[in-house]
Amino acid sequence: MAAAHRIEVLHGVNLDMLGRRDPRHYGEGGRPLSLLELERRIESFAADQGLRVRFFHTNAEGEMVARLHRLADEADGAILNAGAWTHYSWALRDALEIAGVPTVEVHLSDVESREPWRRVSVFDGLCVAKISGRGPDGYRMAMAQLRRTLDGADE
């Protein structure tokens, strides 16, 4: 049996505050969702896809850059929710490009229907997919997309 693909789920700035943020955008069923609850759900999604998952979170942009620099040695693919860095951190875009692993950009809220500045992503054209506004289920969709990409089913 082939080894399971290794997926790194990278949570950026303010994702550790999910349980304190507006549940209309960052919750489920009108109730707040914590980062720990989200990660448990993601572990289940990964298991369903036969993927191994590991998590990384930081509120420090330089730490995220450093993690992305090491990504290719430690993961086959990634799911990235960079939070607000999505909209302006060209340093993260460069680091993700250097990493060179298939990545799906995920947002819990529907960034396309929110403030205009949230519609801008520095990762456009770099990720294999962008999933927005699906809440925790967006991570399930991202796992499925990565599975297809890594298995060569998207070719």
Protein backbone atom coordinates (compact mmCIF):
# COMPACT_ATOMS: atom_id res chain seq x y z
CA MET A 1 0.00 0.00 0.00
CA ALA A 2 1.30 3.44 -0.92
CA ALA A 3 2.15 5.90 1.83
CA ALA A 4 -0.50 8.50 2.58
CA HIS A 5 0.09 11.95 1.19
CA ARG A 6 1.26 14.45 3.81
CA ILE A 7 -0.86 17.60 4.02
CA GLU A 8 0.13 20.68 6.01
CA VAL A 9 -2.75 22.93 7.09
CA LEU A 10 -1.39 26.42 7.69
CA HIS A 11 -3.46 28.87 9.73
CA GLY A 12 -2.40 32.49 9.64
CA VAL A 13 -3.04 35.64 11.58
CA ASN A 14 -6.05 35.73 13.94
CA LEU A 15 -7.18 32.18 13.21
CA ASP A 16 -6.48 31.32 16.85
CA MET A 17 -9.24 33.81 17.73
CA LEU A 18 -11.98 32.03 15.78
CA GLY A 19 -14.13 31.43 18.85
CA ARG A 20 -14.15 35.17 19.53
CA ARG A 21 -14.93 36.34 16.01
CA ASP A 22 -18.31 37.04 14.41
CA PRO A 23 -20.02 33.63 14.08
CA ARG A 24 -21.86 34.85 10.96
CA HIS A 25 -18.54 34.68 9.15
CA TYR A 26 -16.43 32.40 11.32
CA GLY A 27 -18.88 30.07 13.01
CA GLU A 28 -21.28 27.31 12.31
CA GLY A 29 -25.03 27.37 12.83
CA GLY A 30 -24.77 30.81 14.42
CA ARG A 31 -22.33 29.67 17.11
CA PRO A 32 -18.61 30.43 17.34
CA LEU A 33 -16.19 27.79 16.09
CA SER A 34 -12.82 27.44 17.81
CA LEU A 35 -9.57 26.64 16.03
CA LEU A 36 -9.33 23.37 17.98
CA GLU A 37 -12.84 22.36 16.85
CA LEU A 38 -11.93 23.23 13.27
CA GLU A 39 -8.73 21.20 13.43
CA ARG A 40 -10.57 18.14 14.80
CA ARG A 41 -12.99 18.41 11.89
CA ILE A 42 -10.09 18.74 9.42
CA GLU A 43 -8.46 15.60 10.90
CA SER A 44 -11.67 13.72 10.14
CA PHE A 45 -11.76 15.07 6.57
CA ALA A 46 -8.14 14.00 6.07
CA ALA A 47 -8.83 10.50 7.39
CA ASP A 48 -11.79 10.18 5.00
CA GLN A 49 -9.43 11.00 2.10
CA GLY A 50 -6.63 8.72 3.34
CA LEU A 51 -4.35 11.72 3.94
CA ARG A 52 -1.99 12.47 6.84
CA VAL A 53 -2.47 15.97 8.22
CA ARG A 54 -0.36 18.28 10.34
CA PHE A 55 -1.22 21.78 11.55
CA PHE A 56 0.74 25.00 11.85
CA HIS A 57 -0.50 28.32 13.19
CA THR A 58 1.23 31.63 13.78
CA ASN A 59 0.38 35.29 14.15
CA ALA A 60 3.92 36.25 13.09
CA GLU A 61 4.40 36.74 9.36
CA GLY A 62 8.11 35.90 9.47
CA GLU A 63 7.34 32.57 11.16
CA MET A 64 4.86 31.72 8.40
CA VAL A 65 7.48 32.59 5.76
CA ALA A 66 10.02 30.35 7.49
CA ARG A 67 7.48 27.50 7.69
CA LEU A 68 6.70 27.82 3.99
CA HIS A 69 10.44 27.68 3.22
CA ARG A 70 10.56 24.22 4.88
CA LEU A 71 7.27 22.99 3.45
CA ALA A 72 8.57 21.05 0.45
CA ASP A 73 10.72 18.88 2.72
CA GLU A 74 7.86 18.04 5.06
CA ALA A 75 4.60 17.96 3.06
CA ASP A 76 3.26 16.84 -0.30
CA GLY A 77 0.54 19.48 -0.37
CA ALA A 78 -0.90 22.29 1.70
CA ILE A 79 -4.07 24.06 2.68
CA LEU A 80 -3.50 27.71 3.45
CA ASN A 81 -5.81 30.06 5.31
CA ALA A 82 -3.51 33.03 5.73
CA GLY A 83 -6.19 35.28 7.22
CA ALA A 84 -5.69 38.97 6.48
CA TRP A 85 -2.19 38.28 5.08
CA THR A 86 -4.01 36.88 2.04
CA HIS A 87 -4.76 40.40 0.91
CA TYR A 88 -1.33 42.04 1.13
CA SER A 89 1.59 39.76 2.04
CA TRP A 90 3.71 39.45 -1.05
CA ALA A 91 6.37 37.86 1.20
CA LEU A 92 4.01 34.94 1.82
CA ARG A 93 3.23 34.64 -1.87
CA ASP A 94 6.96 34.46 -2.68
CA ALA A 95 7.53 31.89 0.08
CA LEU A 96 4.63 29.75 -1.14
CA GLU A 97 5.98 29.92 -4.67
CA ILE A 98 9.41 28.82 -3.38
CA ALA A 99 7.76 25.91 -1.52
CA GLY A 100 6.41 24.61 -4.81
CA VAL A 101 3.84 22.21 -3.34
CA PRO A 102 0.24 22.02 -4.54
CA THR A 103 -1.77 24.33 -2.30
CA VAL A 104 -5.44 25.12 -1.87
CA GLU A 105 -6.34 28.55 -0.49
CA VAL A 106 -9.26 28.34 1.95
CA HIS A 107 -11.40 30.96 3.69
CA LEU A 108 -14.19 30.16 6.14
CA SER A 109 -16.14 33.28 5.16
CA ASP A 110 -17.23 34.28 1.67
CA VAL A 111 -14.51 36.81 0.94
CA GLU A 112 -16.09 37.62 -2.43
CA SER A 113 -19.21 39.07 -0.79
CA ARG A 114 -17.49 41.01 1.98
CA GLU A 115 -15.46 44.24 1.96
CA PRO A 116 -13.74 45.01 -1.37
CA TRP A 117 -10.23 44.65 0.10
CA ARG A 118 -11.02 41.03 1.07
CA ARG A 119 -11.61 40.13 -2.58
CA VAL A 120 -7.90 40.60 -3.35
CA SER A 121 -5.66 37.58 -2.91
CA VAL A 122 -1.91 37.73 -3.40
CA PHE A 123 -2.08 33.95 -4.00
CA ASP A 124 -4.24 34.23 -7.16
CA GLY A 125 -2.77 32.13 -9.94
CA LEU A 126 -0.46 30.26 -7.56
CA CYS A 127 -2.83 27.83 -5.83
CA VAL A 128 -4.53 24.84 -7.46
CA ALA A 129 -7.89 26.04 -6.09
CA LYS A 130 -9.51 28.70 -3.91
CA ILE A 131 -12.43 27.78 -1.67
CA SER A 132 -14.34 30.55 0.08
CA GLY A 133 -17.54 30.78 2.07
CA ARG A 134 -18.04 27.09 2.78
CA GLY A 135 -17.18 27.27 6.48
CA PRO A 136 -15.45 24.17 7.86
CA ASP A 137 -16.69 22.15 4.88
CA GLY A 138 -14.32 24.17 2.69
CA TYR A 139 -11.46 22.22 4.26
CA ARG A 140 -13.14 18.94 3.28
CA MET A 141 -13.39 20.22 -0.27
CA ALA A 142 -9.74 21.29 -0.15
CA MET A 143 -8.64 17.83 1.04
CA ALA A 144 -10.55 16.22 -1.81
CA GLN A 145 -8.97 18.63 -4.31
CA LEU A 146 -5.47 17.94 -2.99
CA ARG A 147 -6.10 14.19 -3.12
CA ARG A 148 -7.09 14.45 -6.79
CA THR A 149 -4.13 16.70 -7.58
CA LEU A 150 -1.56 14.54 -5.79
CA ASP A 151 -2.97 11.35 -7.33
CA GLY A 152 -2.69 12.95 -10.78
CA ALA A 153 -6.44 12.85 -11.38
CA ASP A 154 -6.52 16.53 -12.41
CA GLU A 155 -4.16 16.02 -15.35
